[in-house]
Amino acid sequence: MSENDQQKAKARGRAEAMFTASEQRDVAMQEQIKKQRAANDAKTARLRALRLAKEAADKAQSESGDADSAGKPKRGRARKPGMKRVFV
């Protein structure tokens, strides 16, 4: 019986070691995910701040006298001389 008990103890030890290693990998993975989320949140906040600053600058520019030059529609592409418009 003692040999059977030793085998059970060895098997239990291996199982506990595997379980502990698995838990450590899970914890490491969760920490990595948490770091990635924090980095992504920081990037999003930075980009949002840049966007809001640009929108504020654009709004200030449109409220000033510079709106006339910025609001002009662009001319279409110039045609080659002798070419006619063809509508299909």
N, C-alpha and C. Protein backbone atom coordinates (compact mmCIF):
# COMPACT_ATOMS: atom_id res chain seq x y z
N MET A 1 0.80 -1.19 0.00
CA MET A 1 0.00 0.00 0.00
C MET A 1 0.85 1.26 0.00
N SER A 2 1.98 1.22 0.60
CA SER A 2 2.79 2.42 0.69
C SER A 2 3.27 2.84 -0.70
N GLU A 3 3.51 1.85 -1.57
CA GLU A 3 3.92 2.19 -2.93
C GLU A 3 2.79 2.89 -3.67
N ASN A 4 1.57 2.45 -3.45
CA ASN A 4 0.39 3.07 -4.04
C ASN A 4 0.21 4.50 -3.52
N ASP A 5 0.45 4.67 -2.22
CA ASP A 5 0.34 6.00 -1.62
C ASP A 5 1.41 6.94 -2.19
N GLN A 6 2.59 6.41 -2.44
CA GLN A 6 3.67 7.22 -3.00
C GLN A 6 3.32 7.67 -4.42
N GLN A 7 2.74 6.76 -5.20
CA GLN A 7 2.35 7.11 -6.56
C GLN A 7 1.27 8.18 -6.56
N LYS A 8 0.31 8.03 -5.63
CA LYS A 8 -0.75 9.03 -5.53
C LYS A 8 -0.16 10.38 -5.13
N ALA A 9 0.78 10.38 -4.21
CA ALA A 9 1.41 11.62 -3.77
C ALA A 9 2.18 12.28 -4.91
N LYS A 10 2.90 11.48 -5.70
CA LYS A 10 3.62 12.02 -6.84
C LYS A 10 2.65 12.61 -7.88
N ALA A 11 1.58 11.88 -8.13
CA ALA A 11 0.58 12.36 -9.09
C ALA A 11 -0.06 13.64 -8.60
N ARG A 12 -0.37 13.69 -7.31
CA ARG A 12 -0.97 14.89 -6.73
C ARG A 12 0.01 16.06 -6.82
N GLY A 13 1.28 15.80 -6.56
CA GLY A 13 2.30 16.85 -6.64
C GLY A 13 2.43 17.40 -8.05
N ARG A 14 2.44 16.49 -9.04
CA ARG A 14 2.52 16.94 -10.44
C ARG A 14 1.29 17.76 -10.81
N ALA A 15 0.12 17.30 -10.39
CA ALA A 15 -1.12 18.01 -10.71
C ALA A 15 -1.13 19.40 -10.06
N GLU A 16 -0.69 19.47 -8.82
CA GLU A 16 -0.65 20.77 -8.14
C GLU A 16 0.36 21.70 -8.80
N ALA A 17 1.49 21.16 -9.23
CA ALA A 17 2.49 21.97 -9.92
C ALA A 17 1.94 22.51 -11.24
N MET A 18 1.24 21.65 -11.98
CA MET A 18 0.65 22.09 -13.24
C MET A 18 -0.42 23.15 -12.99
N PHE A 19 -1.23 22.95 -11.96
CA PHE A 19 -2.29 23.90 -11.63
C PHE A 19 -1.68 25.25 -11.23
N THR A 20 -0.63 25.22 -10.42
CA THR A 20 0.03 26.45 -9.98
C THR A 20 0.63 27.19 -11.18
N ALA A 21 1.26 26.44 -12.08
CA ALA A 21 1.85 27.06 -13.27
C ALA A 21 0.75 27.68 -14.14
N SER A 22 -0.37 26.99 -14.26
CA SER A 22 -1.49 27.50 -15.04
C SER A 22 -2.04 28.79 -14.42
N GLU A 23 -2.16 28.82 -13.12
CA GLU A 23 -2.64 30.03 -12.44
C GLU A 23 -1.67 31.18 -12.66
N GLN A 24 -0.37 30.91 -12.60
CA GLN A 24 0.62 31.96 -12.81
C GLN A 24 0.55 32.52 -14.23
N ARG A 25 0.33 31.63 -15.22
CA ARG A 25 0.18 32.10 -16.59
C ARG A 25 -1.07 32.95 -16.74
N ASP A 26 -2.15 32.54 -16.07
CA ASP A 26 -3.39 33.31 -16.13
C ASP A 26 -3.20 34.71 -15.54
N VAL A 27 -2.53 34.78 -14.41
CA VAL A 27 -2.29 36.07 -13.76
C VAL A 27 -1.42 36.95 -14.65
N ALA A 28 -0.39 36.37 -15.24
CA ALA A 28 0.49 37.13 -16.13
C ALA A 28 -0.28 37.63 -17.35
N MET A 29 -1.14 36.80 -17.89
CA MET A 29 -1.93 37.19 -19.06
C MET A 29 -2.90 38.31 -18.70
N GLN A 30 -3.52 38.22 -17.54
CA GLN A 30 -4.44 39.27 -17.11
C GLN A 30 -3.71 40.60 -16.91
N GLU A 31 -2.50 40.55 -16.36
CA GLU A 31 -1.71 41.77 -16.18
C GLU A 31 -1.34 42.36 -17.54
N GLN A 32 -0.98 41.52 -18.49
CA GLN A 32 -0.63 41.99 -19.82
C GLN A 32 -1.84 42.65 -20.49
N ILE A 33 -3.00 42.03 -20.36
CA ILE A 33 -4.22 42.60 -20.94
C ILE A 33 -4.53 43.94 -20.29
N LYS A 34 -4.35 44.02 -18.98
CA LYS A 34 -4.61 45.26 -18.26
C LYS A 34 -3.68 46.38 -18.75
N LYS A 35 -2.40 46.04 -18.99
CA LYS A 35 -1.44 47.02 -19.49
C LYS A 35 -1.82 47.48 -20.90
N GLN A 36 -2.24 46.54 -21.74
CA GLN A 36 -2.64 46.89 -23.10
C GLN A 36 -3.86 47.80 -23.10
N ARG A 37 -4.82 47.51 -22.23
CA ARG A 37 -6.02 48.35 -22.14
C ARG A 37 -5.66 49.75 -21.67
N ALA A 38 -4.76 49.84 -20.68
CA ALA A 38 -4.34 51.15 -20.18
C ALA A 38 -3.63 51.94 -21.29
N ALA A 39 -2.78 51.28 -22.06
CA ALA A 39 -2.09 51.95 -23.16
C ALA A 39 -3.08 52.41 -24.22
N ASN A 40 -4.05 51.58 -24.52
CA ASN A 40 -5.06 51.93 -25.51
C ASN A 40 -5.91 53.09 -25.02
N ASP A 41 -6.27 53.09 -23.74
CA ASP A 41 -7.05 54.19 -23.17
C ASP A 41 -6.27 55.49 -23.21
N ALA A 42 -4.97 55.43 -22.92
CA ALA A 42 -4.13 56.62 -22.97
C ALA A 42 -4.04 57.15 -24.39
N LYS A 43 -3.88 56.26 -25.36
CA LYS A 43 -3.81 56.67 -26.76
C LYS A 43 -5.12 57.31 -27.20
N THR A 44 -6.24 56.71 -26.80
CA THR A 44 -7.54 57.24 -27.15
C THR A 44 -7.75 58.63 -26.55
N ALA A 45 -7.34 58.81 -25.31
CA ALA A 45 -7.48 60.11 -24.66
C ALA A 45 -6.62 61.16 -25.37
N ARG A 46 -5.41 60.78 -25.76
CA ARG A 46 -4.53 61.72 -26.46
C ARG A 46 -5.11 62.11 -27.81
N LEU A 47 -5.61 61.13 -28.55
CA LEU A 47 -6.19 61.42 -29.86
C LEU A 47 -7.47 62.25 -29.74
N ARG A 48 -8.25 61.99 -28.70
CA ARG A 48 -9.47 62.77 -28.47
C ARG A 48 -9.12 64.22 -28.18
N ALA A 49 -8.10 64.43 -27.35
CA ALA A 49 -7.67 65.79 -27.03
C ALA A 49 -7.19 66.51 -28.28
N LEU A 50 -6.43 65.81 -29.12
CA LEU A 50 -5.98 66.42 -30.37
C LEU A 50 -7.16 66.78 -31.28
N ARG A 51 -8.13 65.87 -31.37
CA ARG A 51 -9.30 66.12 -32.21
C ARG A 51 -10.08 67.31 -31.71
N LEU A 52 -10.30 67.38 -30.40
CA LEU A 52 -11.05 68.50 -29.83
C LEU A 52 -10.31 69.82 -30.04
N ALA A 53 -9.00 69.80 -29.91
CA ALA A 53 -8.21 71.02 -30.14
C ALA A 53 -8.32 71.46 -31.60
N LYS A 54 -8.26 70.49 -32.52
CA LYS A 54 -8.38 70.82 -33.93
C LYS A 54 -9.76 71.38 -34.24
N GLU A 55 -10.80 70.76 -33.68
CA GLU A 55 -12.15 71.26 -33.91
C GLU A 55 -12.31 72.68 -33.37
N ALA A 56 -11.73 72.95 -32.21
CA ALA A 56 -11.81 74.29 -31.64
C ALA A 56 -11.06 75.29 -32.52
N ALA A 57 -9.91 74.90 -33.03
CA ALA A 57 -9.15 75.79 -33.91
C ALA A 57 -9.91 76.03 -35.21
N ASP A 58 -10.52 75.00 -35.76
CA ASP A 58 -11.30 75.15 -36.99
C ASP A 58 -12.50 76.06 -36.76
N LYS A 59 -13.14 75.90 -35.62
CA LYS A 59 -14.30 76.73 -35.29
C LYS A 59 -13.87 78.18 -35.13
N ALA A 60 -12.75 78.42 -34.46
CA ALA A 60 -12.26 79.78 -34.28
C ALA A 60 -11.90 80.39 -35.63
N GLN A 61 -11.32 79.60 -36.51
CA GLN A 61 -10.95 80.10 -37.83
C GLN A 61 -12.19 80.42 -38.64
N SER A 62 -13.22 79.59 -38.55
CA SER A 62 -14.43 79.83 -39.33
C SER A 62 -15.19 81.05 -38.81
N GLU A 63 -15.08 81.34 -37.52
CA GLU A 63 -15.74 82.51 -36.95
C GLU A 63 -15.00 83.79 -37.30
N SER A 64 -13.72 83.71 -37.60
CA SER A 64 -12.95 84.90 -37.96
C SER A 64 -13.17 85.21 -39.44
N GLY A 65 -12.49 86.21 -39.95
CA GLY A 65 -12.65 86.63 -41.34
C GLY A 65 -12.02 85.69 -42.33
N ASP A 66 -11.29 84.70 -41.89
CA ASP A 66 -10.63 83.77 -42.79
C ASP A 66 -11.59 82.76 -43.40
N ALA A 67 -12.85 82.82 -43.02
CA ALA A 67 -13.82 81.84 -43.51
C ALA A 67 -14.07 82.01 -45.00
N ASP A 68 -13.89 83.21 -45.54
CA ASP A 68 -14.17 83.42 -46.96
C ASP A 68 -13.24 82.60 -47.84
N SER A 69 -11.96 82.62 -47.52
CA SER A 69 -11.02 81.88 -48.36
C SER A 69 -11.15 80.38 -48.17
N ALA A 70 -11.49 79.94 -46.97
CA ALA A 70 -11.59 78.51 -46.72
C ALA A 70 -12.90 77.94 -47.24
N GLY A 71 -13.92 78.77 -47.39
CA GLY A 71 -15.23 78.28 -47.78
C GLY A 71 -15.46 78.22 -49.27
N LYS A 72 -14.52 78.67 -50.08
CA LYS A 72 -14.72 78.66 -51.52
C LYS A 72 -14.73 77.23 -52.05
N PRO A 73 -15.66 76.96 -52.95
CA PRO A 73 -15.66 75.61 -53.53
C PRO A 73 -14.50 75.46 -54.50
N LYS A 74 -14.01 74.28 -54.61
CA LYS A 74 -12.89 74.01 -55.51
C LYS A 74 -13.41 73.88 -56.93
N ARG A 75 -12.59 74.29 -57.86
CA ARG A 75 -12.95 74.15 -59.25
C ARG A 75 -12.72 72.70 -59.68
N GLY A 76 -13.47 72.30 -60.67
CA GLY A 76 -13.34 70.94 -61.18
C GLY A 76 -12.06 70.77 -61.97
N ARG A 77 -11.82 69.60 -62.40
CA ARG A 77 -10.61 69.28 -63.16
C ARG A 77 -10.70 69.93 -64.54
N ALA A 78 -9.60 70.53 -64.95
CA ALA A 78 -9.57 71.20 -66.25
C ALA A 78 -9.54 70.16 -67.36
N ARG A 79 -10.32 70.43 -68.41
CA ARG A 79 -10.33 69.54 -69.57
C ARG A 79 -9.26 69.95 -70.55
N LYS A 80 -8.84 69.02 -71.30
CA LYS A 80 -7.87 69.31 -72.35
C LYS A 80 -8.58 70.12 -73.45
N PRO A 81 -7.85 70.98 -74.11
CA PRO A 81 -8.48 71.76 -75.19
C PRO A 81 -8.99 70.83 -76.29
N GLY A 82 -10.16 71.15 -76.78
CA GLY A 82 -10.74 70.37 -77.86
C GLY A 82 -11.55 69.18 -77.36
N MET A 83 -11.56 68.90 -76.07
CA MET A 83 -12.34 67.78 -75.53
C MET A 83 -13.73 68.28 -75.16
N LYS A 84 -14.73 67.51 -75.48
CA LYS A 84 -16.10 67.86 -75.15
C LYS A 84 -16.58 66.96 -74.02
N ARG A 85 -17.54 67.50 -73.28
CA ARG A 85 -18.15 66.69 -72.22
C ARG A 85 -19.08 65.67 -72.86
N VAL A 86 -19.00 64.46 -72.38
CA VAL A 86 -19.85 63.41 -72.88
C VAL A 86 -20.60 62.81 -71.71
N PHE A 87 -21.92 62.85 -71.77
CA PHE A 87 -22.74 62.26 -70.72
C PHE A 87 -23.29 60.94 -71.21
N VAL A 88 -23.12 59.93 -70.45
CA VAL A 88 -23.58 58.61 -70.87
C VAL A 88 -24.75 58.20 -70.04
